[in-house]
PDB file of N, CA and C in Angstrom:
ATOM      1  N   SER A   1       1.101  -0.987  -0.086  1.00  0.00           N
ATOM      2  CA  SER A   1      -0.085   0.281  -0.504  1.00  0.00           C
ATOM      3  C   SER A   1       1.114   1.137   0.004  1.00  0.00           C
ATOM      4  N   ALA A   2      -0.033   2.382  -0.750  1.00  0.00           N
ATOM      5  CA  ALA A   2       1.288   3.709  -1.071  1.00  0.00           C
ATOM      6  C   ALA A   2       0.965   4.231  -0.065  1.00  0.00           C
ATOM      7  N   PHE A   3       2.129   5.484   0.355  1.00  0.00           N
ATOM      8  CA  PHE A   3       1.080   6.361   1.247  1.00  0.00           C
ATOM      9  C   PHE A   3       0.581   7.724   0.628  1.00  0.00           C
ATOM     10  N   THR A   4      -0.132   7.656   1.536  1.00  0.00           N
ATOM     11  CA  THR A   4      -1.391   8.892   0.895  1.00  0.00           C
ATOM     12  C   THR A   4      -1.502  10.113   1.794  1.00  0.00           C
ATOM     13  N   ALA A   5      -2.085  11.249   1.481  1.00  0.00           N
ATOM     14  CA  ALA A   5      -2.221  12.578   2.371  1.00  0.00           C
ATOM     15  C   ALA A   5      -3.336  12.143   3.492  1.00  0.00           C
ATOM     16  N   THR A   6      -4.058  11.053   3.181  1.00  0.00           N
ATOM     17  CA  THR A   6      -5.064  10.280   4.031  1.00  0.00           C
ATOM     18  C   THR A   6      -5.078   9.755   4.819  1.00  0.00           C
ATOM     19  N   ASP A   7      -3.520   9.252   4.822  1.00  0.00           N
ATOM     20  CA  ASP A   7      -2.938   8.354   6.442  1.00  0.00           C
ATOM     21  C   ASP A   7      -3.000   9.049   7.264  1.00  0.00           C
ATOM     22  N   PRO A   8      -3.133   8.363   8.750  1.00  0.00           N
ATOM     23  CA  PRO A   8      -2.807   9.445   9.958  1.00  0.00           C
ATOM     24  C   PRO A   8      -1.436  10.121   9.928  1.00  0.00           C
ATOM     25  N   PRO A   9      -1.368  10.645  10.470  1.00  0.00           N
ATOM     26  CA  PRO A   9       0.127  11.061  10.807  1.00  0.00           C
ATOM     27  C   PRO A   9       1.080   9.927  12.168  1.00  0.00           C
ATOM     28  N   SER A  10       2.215  10.008  11.408  1.00  0.00           N
ATOM     29  CA  SER A  10       2.621   9.130  12.584  1.00  0.00           C
ATOM     30  C   SER A  10       2.876   9.629  14.047  1.00  0.00           C
ATOM     31  N   ARG A  11       2.877   8.211  15.127  1.00  0.00           N
ATOM     32  CA  ARG A  11       2.809   8.578  16.572  1.00  0.00           C
ATOM     33  C   ARG A  11       4.089   8.789  16.976  1.00  0.00           C
ATOM     34  N   ALA A  12       5.240   8.829  16.608  1.00  0.00           N
ATOM     35  CA  ALA A  12       6.522   9.102  16.517  1.00  0.00           C
ATOM     36  C   ALA A  12       6.632  10.656  17.715  1.00  0.00           C
ATOM     37  N   PRO A  13       7.251  10.584  18.519  1.00  0.00           N
ATOM     38  CA  PRO A  13       7.405  12.190  19.554  1.00  0.00           C
ATOM     39  C   PRO A  13       8.465  12.829  18.389  1.00  0.00           C
ATOM     40  N   PRO A  14       8.167  14.308  18.772  1.00  0.00           N
ATOM     41  CA  PRO A  14       9.112  15.334  18.017  1.00  0.00           C
ATOM     42  C   PRO A  14      10.502  14.750  18.200  1.00  0.00           C
ATOM     43  N   PRO A  15      11.753  15.620  17.296  1.00  0.00           N
ATOM     44  CA  PRO A  15      12.778  14.941  17.563  1.00  0.00           C
ATOM     45  C   PRO A  15      13.602  15.636  18.880  1.00  0.00           C
ATOM     46  N   SER A  16      12.996  16.473  19.008  1.00  0.00           N
ATOM     47  CA  SER A  16      13.704  17.504  20.435  1.00  0.00           C
ATOM     48  C   SER A  16      13.517  16.413  21.438  1.00  0.00           C
ATOM     49  N   LEU A  17      12.324  15.800  21.349  1.00  0.00           N
ATOM     50  CA  LEU A  17      11.977  15.047  22.745  1.00  0.00           C
ATOM     51  C   LEU A  17      12.629  13.407  22.751  1.00  0.00           C
ATOM     52  N   ALA A  18      12.911  13.148  21.641  1.00  0.00           N
ATOM     53  CA  ALA A  18      13.415  12.069  21.438  1.00  0.00           C
ATOM     54  C   ALA A  18      15.086  11.887  21.267  1.00  0.00           C
ATOM     55  N   LEU A  19      15.645  13.243  20.865  1.00  0.00           N
ATOM     56  CA  LEU A  19      17.029  13.919  21.259  1.00  0.00           C
ATOM     57  C   LEU A  19      17.373  13.580  23.088  1.00  0.00           C
ATOM     58  N   ALA A  20      16.171  14.421  23.451  1.00  0.00           N
ATOM     59  CA  ALA A  20      16.397  14.225  25.209  1.00  0.00           C
ATOM     60  C   ALA A  20      16.376  12.984  26.066  1.00  0.00           C
ATOM     61  N   ALA A  21      15.370  12.339  25.477  1.00  0.00           N
ATOM     62  CA  ALA A  21      15.111  11.017  25.914  1.00  0.00           C
ATOM     63  C   ALA A  21      16.560  10.171  25.667  1.00  0.00           C
ATOM     64  N   ASN A  22      16.866  10.103  24.693  1.00  0.00           N
ATOM     65  CA  ASN A  22      17.899   9.250  24.151  1.00  0.00           C
ATOM     66  C   ASN A  22      19.266   9.883  24.765  1.00  0.00           C
ATOM     67  N   THR A  23      19.389  11.395  25.586  1.00  0.00           N
ATOM     68  CA  THR A  23      20.634  11.653  25.806  1.00  0.00           C
ATOM     69  C   THR A  23      20.216  11.364  27.382  1.00  0.00           C
ATOM     70  N   ASN A  24      18.952  11.205  27.841  1.00  0.00           N
ATOM     71  CA  ASN A  24      18.856  10.761  29.469  1.00  0.00           C
ATOM     72  C   ASN A  24      19.307   9.952  29.123  1.00  0.00           C
ATOM     73  N   MET A  25      19.035   8.765  28.426  1.00  0.00           N
ATOM     74  CA  MET A  25      18.874   7.100  28.469  1.00  0.00           C
ATOM     75  C   MET A  25      20.361   6.816  28.804  1.00  0.00           C
ATOM     76  N   TRP A  26      21.584   7.528  27.903  1.00  0.00           N
ATOM     77  CA  TRP A  26      22.469   7.528  27.639  1.00  0.00           C
ATOM     78  C   TRP A  26      23.880   7.665  28.961  1.00  0.00           C
ATOM     79  N   ARG A  27      22.908   8.616  29.784  1.00  0.00           N
ATOM     80  CA  ARG A  27      23.335   9.613  31.245  1.00  0.00           C
ATOM     81  C   ARG A  27      23.486   8.473  32.019  1.00  0.00           C
ATOM     82  N   ASN A  28      22.383   8.030  32.003  1.00  0.00           N
ATOM     83  CA  ASN A  28      21.549   6.966  33.199  1.00  0.00           C
ATOM     84  C   ASN A  28      22.670   5.752  32.604  1.00  0.00           C
ATOM     85  N   VAL A  29      22.581   5.252  31.881  1.00  0.00           N
ATOM     86  CA  VAL A  29      23.681   3.830  31.514  1.00  0.00           C
ATOM     87  C   VAL A  29      25.387   4.252  31.717  1.00  0.00           C
ATOM     88  N   THR A  30      25.669   5.714  31.590  1.00  0.00           N
ATOM     89  CA  THR A  30      26.871   5.932  32.066  1.00  0.00           C
ATOM     90  C   THR A  30      27.156   6.085  33.856  1.00  0.00           C
ATOM     91  N   PHE A  31      26.323   6.832  34.157  1.00  0.00           N
ATOM     92  CA  PHE A  31      26.286   6.722  35.483  1.00  0.00           C
ATOM     93  C   PHE A  31      25.854   5.489  36.646  1.00  0.00           C
ATOM     94  N   VAL A  32      25.554   4.175  35.837  1.00  0.00           N
ATOM     95  CA  VAL A  32      25.154   3.050  36.358  1.00  0.00           C
ATOM     96  C   VAL A  32      26.552   2.148  36.250  1.00  0.00           C
ATOM     97  N   GLY A  33      26.413   2.372  34.406  1.00  0.00           N
ATOM     98  CA  GLY A  33      27.913   1.588  33.907  1.00  0.00           C
ATOM     99  C   GLY A  33      29.070   1.462  34.798  1.00  0.00           C
ATOM    100  N   LEU A  34      29.517   2.977  34.766  1.00  0.00           N
ATOM    101  CA  LEU A  34      30.852   3.366  35.403  1.00  0.00           C
ATOM    102  C   LEU A  34      31.382   3.079  36.503  1.00  0.00           C
ATOM    103  N   PRO A  35      30.547   3.465  37.296  1.00  0.00           N
ATOM    104  CA  PRO A  35      30.110   2.756  39.005  1.00  0.00           C
ATOM    105  C   PRO A  35      30.746   1.052  38.879  1.00  0.00           C
ATOM    106  N   CYS A  36      29.903   0.613  38.064  1.00  0.00           N
ATOM    107  CA  CYS A  36      29.908  -0.521  38.096  1.00  0.00           C
ATOM    108  C   CYS A  36      31.518  -1.314  37.652  1.00  0.00           C
ATOM    109  N   ILE A  37      31.382  -0.915  36.689  1.00  0.00           N
ATOM    110  CA  ILE A  37      32.799  -0.998  35.901  1.00  0.00           C
ATOM    111  C   ILE A  37      33.958  -1.204  36.625  1.00  0.00           C
ATOM    112  N   VAL A  38      33.895   0.227  37.892  1.00  0.00           N
ATOM    113  CA  VAL A  38      35.105   0.112  38.443  1.00  0.00           C
ATOM    114  C   VAL A  38      35.240  -0.735  39.875  1.00  0.00           C
ATOM    115  N   GLY A  39      34.131  -0.419  40.108  1.00  0.00           N
ATOM    116  CA  GLY A  39      33.483  -1.700  41.467  1.00  0.00           C
ATOM    117  C   GLY A  39      34.155  -3.197  41.046  1.00  0.00           C
ATOM    118  N   LEU A  40      34.088  -3.590  39.769  1.00  0.00           N
ATOM    119  CA  LEU A  40      34.437  -4.715  39.368  1.00  0.00           C
ATOM    120  C   LEU A  40      36.050  -4.750  38.725  1.00  0.00           C
ATOM    121  N   THR A  41      36.384  -3.893  38.506  1.00  0.00           N
ATOM    122  CA  THR A  41      38.105  -3.842  38.269  1.00  0.00           C
ATOM    123  C   THR A  41      38.992  -3.721  39.517  1.00  0.00           C
ATOM    124  N   ALA A  42      38.256  -2.965  40.893  1.00  0.00           N
ATOM    125  CA  ALA A  42      39.038  -2.956  41.935  1.00  0.00           C
ATOM    126  C   ALA A  42      38.700  -4.241  43.259  1.00  0.00           C
ATOM    127  N   TYR A  43      37.780  -5.311  42.533  1.00  0.00           N
ATOM    128  CA  TYR A  43      37.258  -6.462  42.723  1.00  0.00           C
ATOM    129  C   TYR A  43      38.369  -7.866  42.458  1.00  0.00           C
ATOM    130  N   ILE A  44      38.423  -7.131  40.787  1.00  0.00           N
ATOM    131  CA  ILE A  44      39.193  -8.251  40.559  1.00  0.00           C
ATOM    132  C   ILE A  44      40.783  -7.764  41.103  1.00  0.00           C
ATOM    133  N   PHE A  45      41.451  -6.776  41.002  1.00  0.00           N
ATOM    134  CA  PHE A  45      42.895  -6.780  41.152  1.00  0.00           C
ATOM    135  C   PHE A  45      43.118  -6.984  42.617  1.00  0.00           C
ATOM    136  N   SER A  46      41.696  -6.958  43.367  1.00  0.00           N
ATOM    137  CA  SER A  46      42.130  -7.249  44.868  1.00  0.00           C
ATOM    138  C   SER A  46      42.127  -8.316  45.380  1.00  0.00           C
ATOM    139  N   GLN A  47      42.219  -9.407  44.501  1.00  0.00           N
ATOM    140  CA  GLN A  47      41.794 -10.814  45.175  1.00  0.00           C
ATOM    141  C   GLN A  47      43.197 -11.177  44.229  1.00  0.00           C
ATOM    142  N   ALA A  48      44.061 -12.226  45.315  1.00  0.00           N
ATOM    143  CA  ALA A  48      45.376 -12.890  45.314  1.00  0.00           C
ATOM    144  C   ALA A  48      45.328 -13.920  44.024  1.00  0.00           C
ATOM    145  N   HIS A  49      46.169 -13.738  43.181  1.00  0.00           N
ATOM    146  CA  HIS A  49      46.834 -14.610  41.671  1.00  0.00           C
ATOM    147  C   HIS A  49      47.911 -14.426  41.823  1.00  0.00           C
ATOM    148  N   HIS A  50      48.022 -16.071  41.025  1.00  0.00           N
ATOM    149  CA  HIS A  50      49.905 -16.714  40.932  1.00  0.00           C
ATOM    150  C   HIS A  50      49.864 -16.073  39.602  1.00  0.00           C
ATOM    151  N   HIS A  51      51.413 -16.020  39.361  1.00  0.00           N
ATOM    152  CA  HIS A  51      51.303 -15.387  38.399  1.00  0.00           C
ATOM    153  C   HIS A  51      52.546 -16.753  37.175  1.00  0.00           C
ATOM    154  N   GLY A  52      51.492 -17.535  37.586  1.00  0.00           N
ATOM    155  CA  GLY A  52      52.515 -19.380  36.855  1.00  0.00           C
ATOM    156  C   GLY A  52      53.837 -19.784  37.799  1.00  0.00           C
ATOM    157  N   SER A  53      53.840 -20.503  37.581  1.00  0.00           N
ATOM    158  CA  SER A  53      55.440 -21.551  37.631  1.00  0.00           C
ATOM    159  C   SER A  53      56.449 -20.659  36.971  1.00  0.00           C
ATOM    160  N   GLU A  54      57.646 -20.794  37.639  1.00  0.00           N
ATOM    161  CA  GLU A  54      59.126 -20.307  36.715  1.00  0.00           C
ATOM    162  C   GLU A  54      59.369 -21.506  35.712  1.00  0.00           C
ATOM    163  N   GLN A  55      59.346 -21.007  34.527  1.00  0.00           N
ATOM    164  CA  GLN A  55      59.500 -21.724  33.290  1.00  0.00           C
ATOM    165  C   GLN A  55      60.813 -22.261  33.484  1.00  0.00           C
ATOM    166  N   PRO A  56      60.598 -23.622  33.212  1.00  0.00           N
ATOM    167  CA  PRO A  56      61.604 -24.537  33.542  1.00  0.00           C
ATOM    168  C   PRO A  56      63.549 -24.395  32.638  1.00  0.00           C
ATOM    169  N   ALA A  57      64.352 -24.825  33.154  1.00  0.00           N
ATOM    170  CA  ALA A  57      65.421 -24.117  31.953  1.00  0.00           C
ATOM    171  C   ALA A  57      65.880 -25.175  30.989  1.00  0.00           C
ATOM    172  N   TYR A  58      65.149 -25.229  30.221  1.00  0.00           N
ATOM    173  CA  TYR A  58      65.410 -26.567  28.971  1.00  0.00           C
ATOM    174  C   TYR A  58      66.439 -26.350  28.406  1.00  0.00           C
ATOM    175  N   SER A  59      67.191 -27.654  28.365  1.00  0.00           N
ATOM    176  CA  SER A  59      68.564 -27.322  27.891  1.00  0.00           C
ATOM    177  C   SER A  59      68.902 -26.578  26.292  1.00  0.00           C
ATOM    178  N   TYR A  60      67.999 -26.600  25.719  1.00  0.00           N
ATOM    179  CA  TYR A  60      67.888 -26.124  24.240  1.00  0.00           C
ATOM    180  C   TYR A  60      67.682 -24.942  23.985  1.00  0.00           C
ATOM    181  N   LEU A  61      67.041 -24.224  25.261  1.00  0.00           N
ATOM    182  CA  LEU A  61      67.017 -22.492  24.804  1.00  0.00           C
ATOM    183  C   LEU A  61      68.197 -21.742  25.287  1.00  0.00           C
ATOM    184  N   GLN A  62      68.546 -21.087  24.549  1.00  0.00           N
ATOM    185  CA  GLN A  62      69.794 -19.755  24.650  1.00  0.00           C
ATOM    186  C   GLN A  62      71.314 -20.837  24.145  1.00  0.00           C
ATOM    187  N   ILE A  63      71.724 -21.128  23.574  1.00  0.00           N
ATOM    188  CA  ILE A  63      72.075 -22.160  23.343  1.00  0.00           C
ATOM    189  C   ILE A  63      73.203 -21.281  22.665  1.00  0.00           C
ATOM    190  N   ARG A  64      74.144 -20.644  23.096  1.00  0.00           N
ATOM    191  CA  ARG A  64      75.316 -20.014  22.694  1.00  0.00           C
ATOM    192  C   ARG A  64      77.259 -20.673  22.163  1.00  0.00           C
ATOM    193  N   THR A  65      77.021 -20.951  21.148  1.00  0.00           N
ATOM    194  CA  THR A  65      78.473 -21.526  20.775  1.00  0.00           C
ATOM    195  C   THR A  65      80.036 -20.442  20.728  1.00  0.00           C
ATOM    196  N   LYS A  66      79.188 -19.476  20.276  1.00  0.00           N
ATOM    197  CA  LYS A  66      80.328 -18.430  20.468  1.00  0.00           C
ATOM    198  C   LYS A  66      79.470 -16.848  20.496  1.00  0.00           C
ATOM    199  N   GLU A  67      80.526 -16.280  20.749  1.00  0.00           N
ATOM    200  CA  GLU A  67      80.001 -14.383  21.515  1.00  0.00           C
ATOM    201  C   GLU A  67      79.354 -13.977  19.916  1.00  0.00           C
ATOM    202  N   PHE A  68      78.605 -13.004  20.411  1.00  0.00           N
ATOM    203  CA  PHE A  68      77.873 -12.386  19.484  1.00  0.00           C
ATOM    204  C   PHE A  68      79.208 -11.274  19.208  1.00  0.00           C
ATOM    205  N   PRO A  69      78.901 -10.747  17.765  1.00  0.00           N
ATOM    206  CA  PRO A  69      79.755 -10.005  17.276  1.00  0.00           C
ATOM    207  C   PRO A  69      80.046  -8.186  18.033  1.00  0.00           C
ATOM    208  N   TRP A  70      78.641  -8.595  18.646  1.00  0.00           N
ATOM    209  CA  TRP A  70      79.149  -6.873  19.678  1.00  0.00           C
ATOM    210  C   TRP A  70      79.228  -7.215  21.307  1.00  0.00           C
ATOM    211  N   GLY A  71      79.554  -8.381  21.379  1.00  0.00           N
ATOM    212  CA  GLY A  71      80.607  -8.391  22.417  1.00  0.00           C
ATOM    213  C   GLY A  71      79.762  -9.073  23.666  1.00  0.00           C
ATOM    214  N   LYS A  72      79.347  -9.247  24.615  1.00  0.00           N
ATOM    215  CA  LYS A  72      78.005 -10.003  25.653  1.00  0.00           C
ATOM    216  C   LYS A  72      76.917  -9.042  25.999  1.00  0.00           C
ATOM    217  N   ALA A  73      77.478  -7.308  25.657  1.00  0.00           N
ATOM    218  CA  ALA A  73      76.434  -6.786  26.414  1.00  0.00           C
ATOM    219  C   ALA A  73      74.848  -6.641  25.294  1.00  0.00           C
ATOM    220  N   ASN A  74      73.907  -6.427  26.016  1.00  0.00           N
ATOM    221  CA  ASN A  74      72.627  -6.453  25.132  1.00  0.00           C
ATOM    222  C   ASN A  74      73.006  -5.230  23.766  1.00  0.00           C
ATOM    223  N   LEU A  75      72.453  -6.038  22.303  1.00  0.00           N
ATOM    224  CA  LEU A  75      72.770  -5.419  21.236  1.00  0.00           C
ATOM    225  C   LEU A  75      71.970  -3.773  21.216  1.00  0.00           C
ATOM    226  N   PHE A  76      70.639  -3.791  22.317  1.00  0.00           N
ATOM    227  CA  PHE A  76      69.830  -2.028  22.074  1.00  0.00           C
ATOM    228  C   PHE A  76      70.968  -1.045  22.757  1.00  0.00           C
ATOM    229  N   ASP A  77      72.021  -1.902  23.540  1.00  0.00           N
ATOM    230  CA  ASP A  77      72.719  -0.697  24.561  1.00  0.00           C
ATOM    231  C   ASP A  77      73.832  -0.646  23.782  1.00  0.00           C
ATOM    232  N   VAL A  78      74.142  -1.567  22.950  1.00  0.00           N
ATOM    233  CA  VAL A  78      75.147  -1.126  22.445  1.00  0.00           C
ATOM    234  C   VAL A  78      75.206  -0.083  21.199  1.00  0.00           C
ATOM    235  N   LEU A  79      73.522   0.072  20.685  1.00  0.00           N
ATOM    236  CA  LEU A  79      73.296   1.096  19.664  1.00  0.00           C
ATOM    237  C   LEU A  79      73.296   1.925  20.481  1.00  0.00           C
ATOM    238  N   SER A  80      72.622   2.346  21.501  1.00  0.00           N
ATOM    239  CA  SER A  80      72.485   3.525  21.911  1.00  0.00           C
ATOM    240  C   SER A  80      73.506   4.163  22.564  1.00  0.00           C
ATOM    241  N   GLY A  81      74.901   3.744  22.886  1.00  0.00           N
ATOM    242  CA  GLY A  81      76.196   4.056  23.548  1.00  0.00           C
ATOM    243  C   GLY A  81      75.685   3.839  24.833  1.00  0.00           C
ATOM    244  N   LYS A  82      75.149   2.508  25.273  1.00  0.00           N
ATOM    245  CA  LYS A  82      74.587   2.288  27.260  1.00  0.00           C
ATOM    246  C   LYS A  82      75.389   1.479  27.399  1.00  0.00           C
ATOM    247  N   ALA A  83      76.277   1.009  26.407  1.00  0.00           N
ATOM    248  CA  ALA A  83      76.809  -0.316  26.408  1.00  0.00           C
ATOM    249  C   ALA A  83      77.986   0.292  28.040  1.00  0.00           C
ATOM    250  N   LYS A  84      78.218  -1.001  29.107  1.00  0.00           N
ATOM    251  CA  LYS A  84      79.063  -0.884  29.693  1.00  0.00           C
ATOM    252  C   LYS A  84      80.319  -1.616  29.099  1.00  0.00           C
ATOM    253  N   SER A  85      81.671  -0.541  29.002  1.00  0.00           N
ATOM    254  CA  SER A  85      82.612  -1.799  28.313  1.00  0.00           C
ATOM    255  C   SER A  85      83.440  -2.067  28.974  1.00  0.00           C
ATOM    256  N   GLU A  86      84.115  -3.418  28.193  1.00  0.00           N
ATOM    257  CA  GLU A  86      84.422  -4.600  28.921  1.00  0.00           C
ATOM    258  C   GLU A  86      85.986  -4.281  29.236  1.00  0.00           C
ATOM    259  N   GLU A  87      86.295  -4.465  30.062  1.00  0.00           N
ATOM    260  CA  GLU A  87      87.724  -4.398  30.554  1.00  0.00           C
ATOM    261  C   GLU A  87      88.333  -5.214  31.048  1.00  0.00           C
TER     262      GLU A  87
END
């Protein structure tokens, strides 16, 4: 059915009332949701938790058969000039 001039007007609220209602809804969501999120975060961080066990020292990890070309220091420290000189 096509729209005709004799159809009754829609029952939607005026745009200003719809905007005000939408603004109030999001204000309420913020004022209720934000304290809930902050409280839940504080609760979670206040609980004791473990960080896992220490990784076993596997024999195949970090095998060095010869020194690095830049010495024993960290490469990034060498490049930035922070490396301690080997004496």
